Amino acid sequence: MYTEASRQSPEGKCADLAFRLAVYEAGHALTARALNLHILSVRMLPRPPVLSSDKTFSNNDWVSFIEALEIRVIELFGGQIAEETACSCNTCGIGDIARVDELSRLIAGLKGEEDAEAVMFELEDIALKIFAKPEYKDAIIPIATFLAERVEAGEELIKGTDLEAELDKYVPRAPKEKWTRKLFSFGRK
């Protein structure tokens, strides 16, 4: 995740930390869209948006709980990937890797797997595949610009409905399917 691009100085709009934060948050939002999740709100802080999956599990079982943790890891990677893609740096979510590591260890433990790094890399690959799709990559800057303009207008908390409407312009919502191992279109076996 930390590549040579992570160490380069940002240029243009990305030289502004506030805009880089908007890019980072756009990455989270785009990842949520790719996973077909509903965004309830985004607070312009270096952390993921509040999603409907944060509030409920599809079932009250371990599989649903593990799935929610996996979604969170993919989403955490999404912010970093967006910032690296659009700004050639990774500064806003610097604490995310510790969260990803901790959640990957928890997921591995709950699934009875020994290799937490394999879990982490599998989930990172899913996030990378999201941003390999041109429509997601191309939407990073427009979504970031939307978020940055909202912050400049004095909004710290952006309503999910407003952000979802903006996302619809660039990456329309897929038909209603819940994210699962079998249905996920970005490549799990």
Protein backbone atom coordinates (compact mmCIF):
# COMPACT_ATOMS: atom_id res chain seq x y z
CA MET A 1 0.00 0.00 0.00
CA TYR A 2 2.83 2.41 0.70
CA THR A 3 4.48 2.90 -2.66
CA GLU A 4 7.03 5.32 -4.02
CA ALA A 5 4.11 7.61 -4.85
CA SER A 6 3.35 7.83 -1.13
CA ARG A 7 6.61 9.67 -0.55
CA GLN A 8 6.26 12.27 -3.32
CA SER A 9 5.19 15.85 -2.63
CA PRO A 10 1.66 16.58 -3.78
CA GLU A 11 1.17 19.15 -6.54
CA GLY A 12 -1.66 21.38 -7.76
CA LYS A 13 -4.90 21.18 -5.80
CA CYS A 14 -3.46 18.24 -3.91
CA ALA A 15 -0.88 20.51 -2.28
CA ASP A 16 -3.79 21.74 -0.13
CA LEU A 17 -4.32 19.38 2.81
CA ALA A 18 -8.05 20.17 2.90
CA PHE A 19 -8.42 19.08 -0.72
CA ARG A 20 -6.38 15.91 -0.09
CA LEU A 21 -8.79 15.11 2.75
CA ALA A 22 -11.67 15.54 0.30
CA VAL A 23 -9.92 13.14 -2.11
CA TYR A 24 -9.44 10.65 0.71
CA GLU A 25 -13.12 10.91 1.71
CA ALA A 26 -14.13 10.59 -1.96
CA GLY A 27 -12.24 7.29 -1.99
CA HIS A 28 -14.28 6.02 0.94
CA ALA A 29 -17.52 7.14 -0.71
CA LEU A 30 -16.63 5.54 -4.04
CA THR A 31 -15.71 2.30 -2.30
CA ALA A 32 -19.05 2.31 -0.49
CA ARG A 33 -20.79 2.85 -3.83
CA ALA A 34 -18.87 -0.04 -5.42
CA LEU A 35 -19.98 -2.26 -2.53
CA ASN A 36 -23.56 -1.04 -3.07
CA LEU A 37 -23.80 0.41 0.43
CA HIS A 38 -25.80 3.46 1.44
CA ILE A 39 -23.95 6.42 2.89
CA LEU A 40 -25.72 8.06 5.81
CA SER A 41 -23.24 10.91 6.27
CA VAL A 42 -19.63 11.99 5.81
CA ARG A 43 -17.81 14.06 8.38
CA MET A 44 -14.80 15.73 6.87
CA LEU A 45 -12.31 14.08 9.16
CA PRO A 46 -9.79 11.40 8.21
CA ARG A 47 -12.16 8.48 8.77
CA PRO A 48 -14.74 6.61 6.70
CA PRO A 49 -18.34 7.79 6.26
CA VAL A 50 -21.18 6.41 8.32
CA LEU A 51 -22.83 3.66 6.30
CA SER A 52 -26.07 1.80 6.70
CA SER A 53 -23.92 -1.31 7.33
CA ASP A 54 -22.58 0.37 10.47
CA LYS A 55 -26.06 0.47 11.94
CA THR A 56 -27.37 -2.99 11.13
CA PHE A 57 -26.23 -6.44 10.16
CA SER A 58 -28.23 -8.42 7.65
CA ASN A 59 -28.44 -11.21 10.21
CA ASN A 60 -27.39 -11.43 13.79
CA ASP A 61 -24.68 -13.97 13.12
CA TRP A 62 -20.91 -14.22 12.80
CA VAL A 63 -20.96 -14.32 9.01
CA SER A 64 -22.73 -10.93 8.87
CA PHE A 65 -20.38 -9.52 11.49
CA ILE A 66 -17.28 -10.70 9.61
CA GLU A 67 -18.73 -9.32 6.37
CA ALA A 68 -19.20 -5.90 8.03
CA LEU A 69 -15.55 -5.97 9.17
CA GLU A 70 -14.38 -6.92 5.68
CA ILE A 71 -16.38 -4.07 4.18
CA ARG A 72 -14.75 -1.64 6.62
CA VAL A 73 -11.26 -2.84 5.66
CA ILE A 74 -12.00 -2.48 1.94
CA GLU A 75 -13.36 0.98 2.58
CA LEU A 76 -10.30 2.00 4.61
CA PHE A 77 -8.11 0.97 1.71
CA GLY A 78 -10.35 3.00 -0.63
CA GLY A 79 -9.41 6.31 0.97
CA GLN A 80 -5.70 5.58 0.70
CA ILE A 81 -5.94 4.32 -2.88
CA ALA A 82 -7.88 7.40 -3.98
CA GLU A 83 -5.33 9.75 -2.42
CA GLU A 84 -2.43 7.87 -4.01
CA THR A 85 -4.21 7.75 -7.38
CA ALA A 86 -5.26 11.40 -7.53
CA CYS A 87 -2.53 13.09 -5.50
CA SER A 88 0.47 10.75 -5.71
CA CYS A 89 0.71 10.74 -1.92
CA ASN A 90 -0.87 9.09 1.08
CA THR A 91 -1.04 11.40 4.07
CA CYS A 92 -4.66 11.74 5.22
CA GLY A 93 -5.30 8.17 6.28
CA ILE A 94 -1.91 7.40 7.73
CA GLY A 95 -3.55 5.73 10.73
CA ASP A 96 -5.67 3.50 8.51
CA ILE A 97 -2.99 0.86 8.10
CA ALA A 98 -3.01 0.21 11.85
CA ARG A 99 -6.81 -0.12 11.75
CA VAL A 100 -6.61 -2.38 8.70
CA ASP A 101 -4.03 -4.57 10.42
CA GLU A 102 -6.11 -4.82 13.59
CA LEU A 103 -9.33 -5.60 11.73
CA SER A 104 -7.57 -8.15 9.49
CA ARG A 105 -6.27 -9.95 12.56
CA LEU A 106 -9.76 -9.96 14.06
CA ILE A 107 -11.29 -11.26 10.82
CA ALA A 108 -8.66 -14.00 10.56
CA GLY A 109 -9.29 -15.01 14.18
CA LEU A 110 -13.04 -15.12 13.75
CA LYS A 111 -12.68 -17.18 10.57
CA GLY A 112 -10.15 -19.53 12.17
CA GLU A 113 -7.41 -18.52 9.73
CA GLU A 114 -3.81 -18.18 10.81
CA ASP A 115 -2.58 -15.68 8.23
CA ALA A 116 -4.01 -12.23 8.94
CA GLU A 117 -1.78 -10.71 6.26
CA ALA A 118 -3.39 -12.93 3.61
CA VAL A 119 -6.78 -11.59 4.71
CA MET A 120 -5.47 -8.03 4.54
CA PHE A 121 -3.96 -8.46 1.07
CA GLU A 122 -7.10 -10.16 -0.26
CA LEU A 123 -9.22 -7.21 0.89
CA GLU A 124 -6.70 -4.70 -0.45
CA ASP A 125 -6.86 -6.44 -3.85
CA ILE A 126 -10.63 -5.92 -3.88
CA ALA A 127 -10.19 -2.21 -3.18
CA LEU A 128 -7.52 -1.93 -5.88
CA LYS A 129 -9.84 -3.59 -8.40
CA ILE A 130 -12.52 -1.01 -7.62
CA PHE A 131 -10.21 1.87 -8.55
CA ALA A 132 -8.83 0.01 -11.56
CA LYS A 133 -12.25 0.56 -13.13
CA PRO A 134 -12.05 3.82 -15.11
CA GLU A 135 -15.41 5.15 -13.93
CA TYR A 136 -14.27 4.96 -10.29
CA LYS A 137 -10.81 6.35 -10.95
CA ASP A 138 -12.24 9.20 -13.04
CA ALA A 139 -14.81 10.06 -10.35
CA ILE A 140 -12.26 10.70 -7.59
CA ILE A 141 -11.56 14.37 -8.40
CA PRO A 142 -15.19 15.37 -9.18
CA ILE A 143 -16.43 13.79 -5.93
CA ALA A 144 -13.53 15.36 -4.00
CA THR A 145 -14.36 18.73 -5.54
CA PHE A 146 -18.00 18.35 -4.48
CA LEU A 147 -16.92 17.55 -0.91
CA ALA A 148 -14.36 20.38 -0.81
CA GLU A 149 -16.95 22.89 -2.02
CA ARG A 150 -19.36 21.75 0.70
CA VAL A 151 -16.67 22.27 3.34
CA GLU A 152 -15.83 25.70 1.91
CA ALA A 153 -19.55 26.54 2.22
CA GLY A 154 -19.33 25.78 5.94
CA GLU A 155 -20.59 22.19 6.05
CA GLU A 156 -18.56 19.80 8.20
CA LEU A 157 -21.13 17.02 7.99
CA ILE A 158 -22.35 16.16 4.50
CA LYS A 159 -25.66 14.32 4.26
CA GLY A 160 -25.50 10.94 2.62
CA THR A 161 -28.43 11.76 0.34
CA ASP A 162 -26.50 14.72 -1.11
CA LEU A 163 -23.36 12.67 -1.64
CA GLU A 164 -25.32 9.74 -3.09
CA ALA A 165 -26.90 12.11 -5.66
CA GLU A 166 -23.45 13.33 -6.66
CA LEU A 167 -22.14 9.77 -6.92
CA ASP A 168 -25.08 8.93 -9.22
CA LYS A 169 -23.64 11.35 -11.80
CA TYR A 170 -20.40 9.38 -12.11
CA VAL A 171 -20.99 5.82 -10.91
CA PRO A 172 -24.68 4.92 -10.91
CA ARG A 173 -25.78 2.47 -8.27
CA ALA A 174 -25.71 -1.14 -9.38
CA PRO A 175 -28.91 -3.19 -9.19
CA LYS A 176 -29.82 -3.98 -5.61
CA GLU A 177 -27.51 -6.80 -4.55
CA LYS A 178 -26.00 -7.24 -1.15
CA TRP A 179 -22.24 -7.56 -0.96
CA THR A 180 -21.32 -11.17 -0.34
CA ARG A 181 -18.46 -13.43 -1.24
CA LYS A 182 -20.49 -15.04 -4.03
CA LEU A 183 -21.96 -11.84 -5.51
CA PHE A 184 -19.04 -9.47 -5.21
CA SER A 185 -18.10 -8.44 -8.72
CA PHE A 186 -14.57 -7.26 -8.03
CA GLY A 187 -13.09 -10.66 -7.67
CA ARG A 188 -13.29 -12.97 -4.74
CA LYS A 189 -13.33 -16.67 -5.31
